[in-house]
ModelCIF file with pLDDT and N, C-alpha, C, O atoms, coordinates in Angstrom:
data_MODEL
#
_entry.id   MODEL 
#
_entity.id                         1 
_entity.type                       polymer 
_entity.pdbx_number_of_molecules   1 
#
_entity_poly.entity_id                      1 
_entity_poly.type                           'polypeptide(L)' 
_entity_poly.nstd_linkage                   no 
_entity_poly.nstd_monomer                   no 
_entity_poly.pdbx_seq_one_letter_code       EVERLATPAFMQALNARPLGSDQPVFIICLPRS 
_entity_poly.pdbx_seq_one_letter_code_can   EVERLATPAFMQALNARPLGSDQPVFIICLPRS 
_entity_poly.pdbx_strand_id                 A 
#
loop_
_entity_poly_seq.entity_id 
_entity_poly_seq.num 
_entity_poly_seq.mon_id 
_entity_poly_seq.hetero 
1 1  GLU n 
1 2  VAL n 
1 3  GLU n 
1 4  ARG n 
1 5  LEU n 
1 6  ALA n 
1 7  THR n 
1 8  PRO n 
1 9  ALA n 
1 10 PHE n 
1 11 MET n 
1 12 GLN n 
1 13 ALA n 
1 14 LEU n 
1 15 ASN n 
1 16 ALA n 
1 17 ARG n 
1 18 PRO n 
1 19 LEU n 
1 20 GLY n 
1 21 SER n 
1 22 ASP n 
1 23 GLN n 
1 24 PRO n 
1 25 VAL n 
1 26 PHE n 
1 27 ILE n 
1 28 ILE n 
1 29 CYS n 
1 30 LEU n 
1 31 PRO n 
1 32 ARG n 
1 33 SER n 
#
_struct_asym.id          A 
_struct_asym.entity_id   1 
#
loop_
_ma_qa_metric.id 
_ma_qa_metric.mode 
_ma_qa_metric.name 
_ma_qa_metric.software_group_id 
_ma_qa_metric.type 
1 global pLDDT . pLDDT 
2 local  pLDDT . pLDDT 
#
_ma_qa_metric_global.metric_id      1 
_ma_qa_metric_global.metric_value   95.33 
_ma_qa_metric_global.model_id       1 
_ma_qa_metric_global.ordinal_id     1 
#
loop_
_ma_qa_metric_local.label_asym_id 
_ma_qa_metric_local.label_comp_id 
_ma_qa_metric_local.label_seq_id 
_ma_qa_metric_local.metric_id 
_ma_qa_metric_local.metric_value 
_ma_qa_metric_local.model_id 
_ma_qa_metric_local.ordinal_id 
A GLU 1  2 97.00 1 1  
A VAL 2  2 97.00 1 2  
A GLU 3  2 97.00 1 3  
A ARG 4  2 97.00 1 4  
A LEU 5  2 97.00 1 5  
A ALA 6  2 97.00 1 6  
A THR 7  2 97.00 1 7  
A PRO 8  2 98.00 1 8  
A ALA 9  2 97.00 1 9  
A PHE 10 2 97.00 1 10 
A MET 11 2 97.00 1 11 
A GLN 12 2 96.00 1 12 
A ALA 13 2 95.00 1 13 
A LEU 14 2 94.00 1 14 
A ASN 15 2 90.00 1 15 
A ALA 16 2 90.00 1 16 
A ARG 17 2 93.00 1 17 
A PRO 18 2 93.00 1 18 
A LEU 19 2 93.00 1 19 
A GLY 20 2 88.00 1 20 
A SER 21 2 91.00 1 21 
A ASP 22 2 94.00 1 22 
A GLN 23 2 96.00 1 23 
A PRO 24 2 98.00 1 24 
A VAL 25 2 98.00 1 25 
A PHE 26 2 98.00 1 26 
A ILE 27 2 98.00 1 27 
A ILE 28 2 97.00 1 28 
A CYS 29 2 96.00 1 29 
A LEU 30 2 96.00 1 30 
A PRO 31 2 95.00 1 31 
A ARG 32 2 94.00 1 32 
A SER 33 2 95.00 1 33 
#
loop_
_atom_site.group_PDB 
_atom_site.id 
_atom_site.type_symbol 
_atom_site.label_atom_id 
_atom_site.label_alt_id 
_atom_site.label_comp_id 
_atom_site.label_asym_id 
_atom_site.label_entity_id 
_atom_site.label_seq_id 
_atom_site.pdbx_PDB_ins_code 
_atom_site.Cartn_x 
_atom_site.Cartn_y 
_atom_site.Cartn_z 
_atom_site.occupancy 
_atom_site.B_iso_or_equiv 
_atom_site.pdbx_formal_charge 
_atom_site.auth_seq_id 
_atom_site.auth_comp_id 
_atom_site.auth_asym_id 
_atom_site.auth_atom_id 
_atom_site.pdbx_PDB_model_num 
ATOM 1   N N  . GLU A 1 1  ? 119.612 131.277 111.953 1.00 97.00 ? 1  GLU A N  1 
ATOM 2   C CA . GLU A 1 1  ? 120.617 131.235 113.024 1.00 97.00 ? 1  GLU A CA 1 
ATOM 3   C C  . GLU A 1 1  ? 120.253 130.206 114.081 1.00 97.00 ? 1  GLU A C  1 
ATOM 4   O O  . GLU A 1 1  ? 121.104 129.463 114.569 1.00 97.00 ? 1  GLU A O  1 
ATOM 5   N N  . VAL A 1 2  ? 118.920 130.177 114.438 1.00 97.00 ? 2  VAL A N  1 
ATOM 6   C CA . VAL A 1 2  ? 118.509 129.212 115.383 1.00 97.00 ? 2  VAL A CA 1 
ATOM 7   C C  . VAL A 1 2  ? 118.780 127.708 114.878 1.00 97.00 ? 2  VAL A C  1 
ATOM 8   O O  . VAL A 1 2  ? 119.154 126.791 115.608 1.00 97.00 ? 2  VAL A O  1 
ATOM 9   N N  . GLU A 1 3  ? 118.533 127.623 113.545 1.00 97.00 ? 3  GLU A N  1 
ATOM 10  C CA . GLU A 1 3  ? 118.764 126.301 112.940 1.00 97.00 ? 3  GLU A CA 1 
ATOM 11  C C  . GLU A 1 3  ? 120.259 125.878 113.121 1.00 97.00 ? 3  GLU A C  1 
ATOM 12  O O  . GLU A 1 3  ? 120.558 124.729 113.449 1.00 97.00 ? 3  GLU A O  1 
ATOM 13  N N  . ARG A 1 4  ? 121.159 126.830 112.900 1.00 97.00 ? 4  ARG A N  1 
ATOM 14  C CA . ARG A 1 4  ? 122.569 126.496 113.057 1.00 97.00 ? 4  ARG A CA 1 
ATOM 15  C C  . ARG A 1 4  ? 122.970 126.258 114.501 1.00 97.00 ? 4  ARG A C  1 
ATOM 16  O O  . ARG A 1 4  ? 123.834 125.423 114.768 1.00 97.00 ? 4  ARG A O  1 
ATOM 17  N N  . LEU A 1 5  ? 122.353 126.982 115.450 1.00 97.00 ? 5  LEU A N  1 
ATOM 18  C CA . LEU A 1 5  ? 122.759 126.845 116.869 1.00 97.00 ? 5  LEU A CA 1 
ATOM 19  C C  . LEU A 1 5  ? 122.066 125.614 117.514 1.00 97.00 ? 5  LEU A C  1 
ATOM 20  O O  . LEU A 1 5  ? 122.726 124.805 118.167 1.00 97.00 ? 5  LEU A O  1 
ATOM 21  N N  . ALA A 1 6  ? 120.765 125.484 117.331 1.00 97.00 ? 6  ALA A N  1 
ATOM 22  C CA . ALA A 1 6  ? 120.053 124.479 118.034 1.00 97.00 ? 6  ALA A CA 1 
ATOM 23  C C  . ALA A 1 6  ? 120.155 123.102 117.432 1.00 97.00 ? 6  ALA A C  1 
ATOM 24  O O  . ALA A 1 6  ? 119.191 122.558 116.895 1.00 97.00 ? 6  ALA A O  1 
ATOM 25  N N  . THR A 1 7  ? 121.331 122.559 117.534 1.00 97.00 ? 7  THR A N  1 
ATOM 26  C CA . THR A 1 7  ? 121.595 121.221 117.011 1.00 97.00 ? 7  THR A CA 1 
ATOM 27  C C  . THR A 1 7  ? 120.996 120.192 117.997 1.00 97.00 ? 7  THR A C  1 
ATOM 28  O O  . THR A 1 7  ? 120.607 120.570 119.102 1.00 97.00 ? 7  THR A O  1 
ATOM 29  N N  . PRO A 1 8  ? 120.918 118.952 117.635 1.00 98.00 ? 8  PRO A N  1 
ATOM 30  C CA . PRO A 1 8  ? 120.443 117.894 118.613 1.00 98.00 ? 8  PRO A CA 1 
ATOM 31  C C  . PRO A 1 8  ? 121.314 117.972 119.860 1.00 98.00 ? 8  PRO A C  1 
ATOM 32  O O  . PRO A 1 8  ? 120.773 117.943 120.965 1.00 98.00 ? 8  PRO A O  1 
ATOM 33  N N  . ALA A 1 9  ? 122.653 118.070 119.735 1.00 97.00 ? 9  ALA A N  1 
ATOM 34  C CA . ALA A 1 9  ? 123.525 118.049 120.883 1.00 97.00 ? 9  ALA A CA 1 
ATOM 35  C C  . ALA A 1 9  ? 123.236 119.271 121.751 1.00 97.00 ? 9  ALA A C  1 
ATOM 36  O O  . ALA A 1 9  ? 123.191 119.149 122.975 1.00 97.00 ? 9  ALA A O  1 
ATOM 37  N N  . PHE A 1 10 ? 123.044 120.423 121.162 1.00 97.00 ? 10 PHE A N  1 
ATOM 38  C CA . PHE A 1 10 ? 122.741 121.635 121.925 1.00 97.00 ? 10 PHE A CA 1 
ATOM 39  C C  . PHE A 1 10 ? 121.491 121.444 122.702 1.00 97.00 ? 10 PHE A C  1 
ATOM 40  O O  . PHE A 1 10 ? 121.492 121.702 123.906 1.00 97.00 ? 10 PHE A O  1 
ATOM 41  N N  . MET A 1 11 ? 120.389 120.996 122.082 1.00 97.00 ? 11 MET A N  1 
ATOM 42  C CA . MET A 1 11 ? 119.112 120.788 122.768 1.00 97.00 ? 11 MET A CA 1 
ATOM 43  C C  . MET A 1 11 ? 119.257 119.785 123.892 1.00 97.00 ? 11 MET A C  1 
ATOM 44  O O  . MET A 1 11 ? 118.710 120.005 124.973 1.00 97.00 ? 11 MET A O  1 
ATOM 45  N N  . GLN A 1 12 ? 119.950 118.728 123.686 1.00 96.00 ? 12 GLN A N  1 
ATOM 46  C CA . GLN A 1 12 ? 120.088 117.706 124.761 1.00 96.00 ? 12 GLN A CA 1 
ATOM 47  C C  . GLN A 1 12 ? 120.892 118.254 125.925 1.00 96.00 ? 12 GLN A C  1 
ATOM 48  O O  . GLN A 1 12 ? 120.698 117.827 127.063 1.00 96.00 ? 12 GLN A O  1 
ATOM 49  N N  . ALA A 1 13 ? 121.753 119.152 125.673 1.00 95.00 ? 13 ALA A N  1 
ATOM 50  C CA . ALA A 1 13 ? 122.569 119.713 126.808 1.00 95.00 ? 13 ALA A CA 1 
ATOM 51  C C  . ALA A 1 13 ? 121.871 120.751 127.597 1.00 95.00 ? 13 ALA A C  1 
ATOM 52  O O  . ALA A 1 13 ? 122.402 121.146 128.634 1.00 95.00 ? 13 ALA A O  1 
ATOM 53  N N  . LEU A 1 14 ? 120.727 121.236 127.210 1.00 94.00 ? 14 LEU A N  1 
ATOM 54  C CA . LEU A 1 14 ? 119.987 122.223 127.960 1.00 94.00 ? 14 LEU A CA 1 
ATOM 55  C C  . LEU A 1 14 ? 119.549 121.650 129.294 1.00 94.00 ? 14 LEU A C  1 
ATOM 56  O O  . LEU A 1 14 ? 119.253 120.461 129.419 1.00 94.00 ? 14 LEU A O  1 
ATOM 57  N N  . ASN A 1 15 ? 119.514 122.539 130.303 1.00 90.00 ? 15 ASN A N  1 
ATOM 58  C CA . ASN A 1 15 ? 119.091 122.148 131.641 1.00 90.00 ? 15 ASN A CA 1 
ATOM 59  C C  . ASN A 1 15 ? 117.665 121.594 131.549 1.00 90.00 ? 15 ASN A C  1 
ATOM 60  O O  . ASN A 1 15 ? 116.795 122.238 130.964 1.00 90.00 ? 15 ASN A O  1 
ATOM 61  N N  . ALA A 1 16 ? 117.412 120.397 132.126 1.00 90.00 ? 16 ALA A N  1 
ATOM 62  C CA . ALA A 1 16 ? 116.088 119.796 132.035 1.00 90.00 ? 16 ALA A CA 1 
ATOM 63  C C  . ALA A 1 16 ? 115.372 119.786 133.435 1.00 90.00 ? 16 ALA A C  1 
ATOM 64  O O  . ALA A 1 16 ? 114.274 119.245 133.571 1.00 90.00 ? 16 ALA A O  1 
ATOM 65  N N  . ARG A 1 17 ? 115.967 120.343 134.371 1.00 93.00 ? 17 ARG A N  1 
ATOM 66  C CA . ARG A 1 17 ? 115.429 120.312 135.743 1.00 93.00 ? 17 ARG A CA 1 
ATOM 67  C C  . ARG A 1 17 ? 114.280 121.357 135.826 1.00 93.00 ? 17 ARG A C  1 
ATOM 68  O O  . ARG A 1 17 ? 114.524 122.533 135.555 1.00 93.00 ? 17 ARG A O  1 
ATOM 69  N N  . PRO A 1 18 ? 113.060 120.967 136.184 1.00 93.00 ? 18 PRO A N  1 
ATOM 70  C CA . PRO A 1 18 ? 111.907 121.927 136.239 1.00 93.00 ? 18 PRO A CA 1 
ATOM 71  C C  . PRO A 1 18 ? 112.219 123.052 137.157 1.00 93.00 ? 18 PRO A C  1 
ATOM 72  O O  . PRO A 1 18 ? 112.919 122.889 138.157 1.00 93.00 ? 18 PRO A O  1 
ATOM 73  N N  . LEU A 1 19 ? 111.685 124.227 136.809 1.00 93.00 ? 19 LEU A N  1 
ATOM 74  C CA . LEU A 1 19 ? 111.768 125.413 137.672 1.00 93.00 ? 19 LEU A CA 1 
ATOM 75  C C  . LEU A 1 19 ? 110.549 125.598 138.469 1.00 93.00 ? 19 LEU A C  1 
ATOM 76  O O  . LEU A 1 19 ? 109.621 126.284 138.039 1.00 93.00 ? 19 LEU A O  1 
ATOM 77  N N  . GLY A 1 20 ? 110.508 124.984 139.675 1.00 88.00 ? 20 GLY A N  1 
ATOM 78  C CA . GLY A 1 20 ? 109.269 125.102 140.482 1.00 88.00 ? 20 GLY A CA 1 
ATOM 79  C C  . GLY A 1 20 ? 108.243 124.128 140.008 1.00 88.00 ? 20 GLY A C  1 
ATOM 80  O O  . GLY A 1 20 ? 108.518 123.265 139.174 1.00 88.00 ? 20 GLY A O  1 
ATOM 81  N N  . SER A 1 21 ? 107.039 124.268 140.548 1.00 91.00 ? 21 SER A N  1 
ATOM 82  C CA . SER A 1 21 ? 105.964 123.268 140.224 1.00 91.00 ? 21 SER A CA 1 
ATOM 83  C C  . SER A 1 21 ? 104.964 123.747 139.155 1.00 91.00 ? 21 SER A C  1 
ATOM 84  O O  . SER A 1 21 ? 104.199 122.950 138.611 1.00 91.00 ? 21 SER A O  1 
ATOM 85  N N  . ASP A 1 22 ? 104.980 125.044 138.866 1.00 94.00 ? 22 ASP A N  1 
ATOM 86  C CA . ASP A 1 22 ? 104.075 125.547 137.801 1.00 94.00 ? 22 ASP A CA 1 
ATOM 87  C C  . ASP A 1 22 ? 104.437 124.899 136.470 1.00 94.00 ? 22 ASP A C  1 
ATOM 88  O O  . ASP A 1 22 ? 105.607 124.744 136.119 1.00 94.00 ? 22 ASP A O  1 
ATOM 89  N N  . GLN A 1 23 ? 103.370 124.522 135.733 1.00 96.00 ? 23 GLN A N  1 
ATOM 90  C CA . GLN A 1 23 ? 103.545 123.883 134.460 1.00 96.00 ? 23 GLN A CA 1 
ATOM 91  C C  . GLN A 1 23 ? 102.946 124.744 133.305 1.00 96.00 ? 23 GLN A C  1 
ATOM 92  O O  . GLN A 1 23 ? 101.756 124.633 133.007 1.00 96.00 ? 23 GLN A O  1 
ATOM 93  N N  . PRO A 1 24 ? 103.782 125.603 132.661 1.00 98.00 ? 24 PRO A N  1 
ATOM 94  C CA . PRO A 1 24 ? 103.241 126.382 131.577 1.00 98.00 ? 24 PRO A CA 1 
ATOM 95  C C  . PRO A 1 24 ? 103.111 125.584 130.306 1.00 98.00 ? 24 PRO A C  1 
ATOM 96  O O  . PRO A 1 24 ? 103.983 124.779 129.980 1.00 98.00 ? 24 PRO A O  1 
ATOM 97  N N  . VAL A 1 25 ? 102.022 125.802 129.580 1.00 98.00 ? 25 VAL A N  1 
ATOM 98  C CA . VAL A 1 25 ? 101.825 125.305 128.261 1.00 98.00 ? 25 VAL A CA 1 
ATOM 99  C C  . VAL A 1 25 ? 101.674 126.457 127.281 1.00 98.00 ? 25 VAL A C  1 
ATOM 100 O O  . VAL A 1 25 ? 100.758 127.271 127.392 1.00 98.00 ? 25 VAL A O  1 
ATOM 101 N N  . PHE A 1 26 ? 102.589 126.510 126.322 1.00 98.00 ? 26 PHE A N  1 
ATOM 102 C CA . PHE A 1 26 ? 102.518 127.592 125.346 1.00 98.00 ? 26 PHE A CA 1 
ATOM 103 C C  . PHE A 1 26 ? 101.913 127.108 124.066 1.00 98.00 ? 26 PHE A C  1 
ATOM 104 O O  . PHE A 1 26 ? 102.414 126.185 123.423 1.00 98.00 ? 26 PHE A O  1 
ATOM 105 N N  . ILE A 1 27 ? 100.803 127.760 123.697 1.00 98.00 ? 27 ILE A N  1 
ATOM 106 C CA . ILE A 1 27 ? 100.200 127.524 122.363 1.00 98.00 ? 27 ILE A CA 1 
ATOM 107 C C  . ILE A 1 27 ? 100.980 128.469 121.371 1.00 98.00 ? 27 ILE A C  1 
ATOM 108 O O  . ILE A 1 27 ? 100.987 129.691 121.524 1.00 98.00 ? 27 ILE A O  1 
ATOM 109 N N  . ILE A 1 28 ? 101.611 127.851 120.386 1.00 97.00 ? 28 ILE A N  1 
ATOM 110 C CA . ILE A 1 28 ? 102.405 128.621 119.481 1.00 97.00 ? 28 ILE A CA 1 
ATOM 111 C C  . ILE A 1 28 ? 101.897 128.486 118.059 1.00 97.00 ? 28 ILE A C  1 
ATOM 112 O O  . ILE A 1 28 ? 101.521 127.402 117.614 1.00 97.00 ? 28 ILE A O  1 
ATOM 113 N N  . CYS A 1 29 ? 101.895 129.619 117.352 1.00 96.00 ? 29 CYS A N  1 
ATOM 114 C CA . CYS A 1 29 ? 101.336 129.660 116.006 1.00 96.00 ? 29 CYS A CA 1 
ATOM 115 C C  . CYS A 1 29 ? 101.468 131.063 115.480 1.00 96.00 ? 29 CYS A C  1 
ATOM 116 O O  . CYS A 1 29 ? 101.898 131.969 116.194 1.00 96.00 ? 29 CYS A O  1 
ATOM 117 N N  . LEU A 1 30 ? 101.096 131.244 114.228 1.00 96.00 ? 30 LEU A N  1 
ATOM 118 C CA . LEU A 1 30 ? 100.864 132.644 113.753 1.00 96.00 ? 30 LEU A CA 1 
ATOM 119 C C  . LEU A 1 30 ? 99.515  133.124 114.265 1.00 96.00 ? 30 LEU A C  1 
ATOM 120 O O  . LEU A 1 30 ? 98.637  132.336 114.614 1.00 96.00 ? 30 LEU A O  1 
ATOM 121 N N  . PRO A 1 31 ? 99.380  134.478 114.298 1.00 95.00 ? 31 PRO A N  1 
ATOM 122 C CA . PRO A 1 31 ? 98.029  134.985 114.645 1.00 95.00 ? 31 PRO A CA 1 
ATOM 123 C C  . PRO A 1 31 ? 97.034  134.436 113.645 1.00 95.00 ? 31 PRO A C  1 
ATOM 124 O O  . PRO A 1 31 ? 97.383  134.046 112.531 1.00 95.00 ? 31 PRO A O  1 
ATOM 125 N N  . ARG A 1 32 ? 95.723  134.417 114.096 1.00 94.00 ? 32 ARG A N  1 
ATOM 126 C CA . ARG A 1 32 ? 94.615  134.005 113.297 1.00 94.00 ? 32 ARG A CA 1 
ATOM 127 C C  . ARG A 1 32 ? 94.705  132.566 112.883 1.00 94.00 ? 32 ARG A C  1 
ATOM 128 O O  . ARG A 1 32 ? 94.317  132.215 111.768 1.00 94.00 ? 32 ARG A O  1 
ATOM 129 N N  . SER A 1 33 ? 95.217  131.709 113.768 1.00 95.00 ? 33 SER A N  1 
ATOM 130 C CA . SER A 1 33 ? 95.379  130.268 113.453 1.00 95.00 ? 33 SER A CA 1 
ATOM 131 C C  . SER A 1 33 ? 94.439  129.331 114.303 1.00 95.00 ? 33 SER A C  1 
ATOM 132 O O  . SER A 1 33 ? 94.473  128.112 114.141 1.00 95.00 ? 33 SER A O  1 
#
């Protein structure tokens, strides 16, 4: 469903304005990676 929804056009239309000054970095993976 994410593949169907998150087209290039959808992603480009997302709000790009930063929310405050904090800069989170998310390490994403399966557990034990």
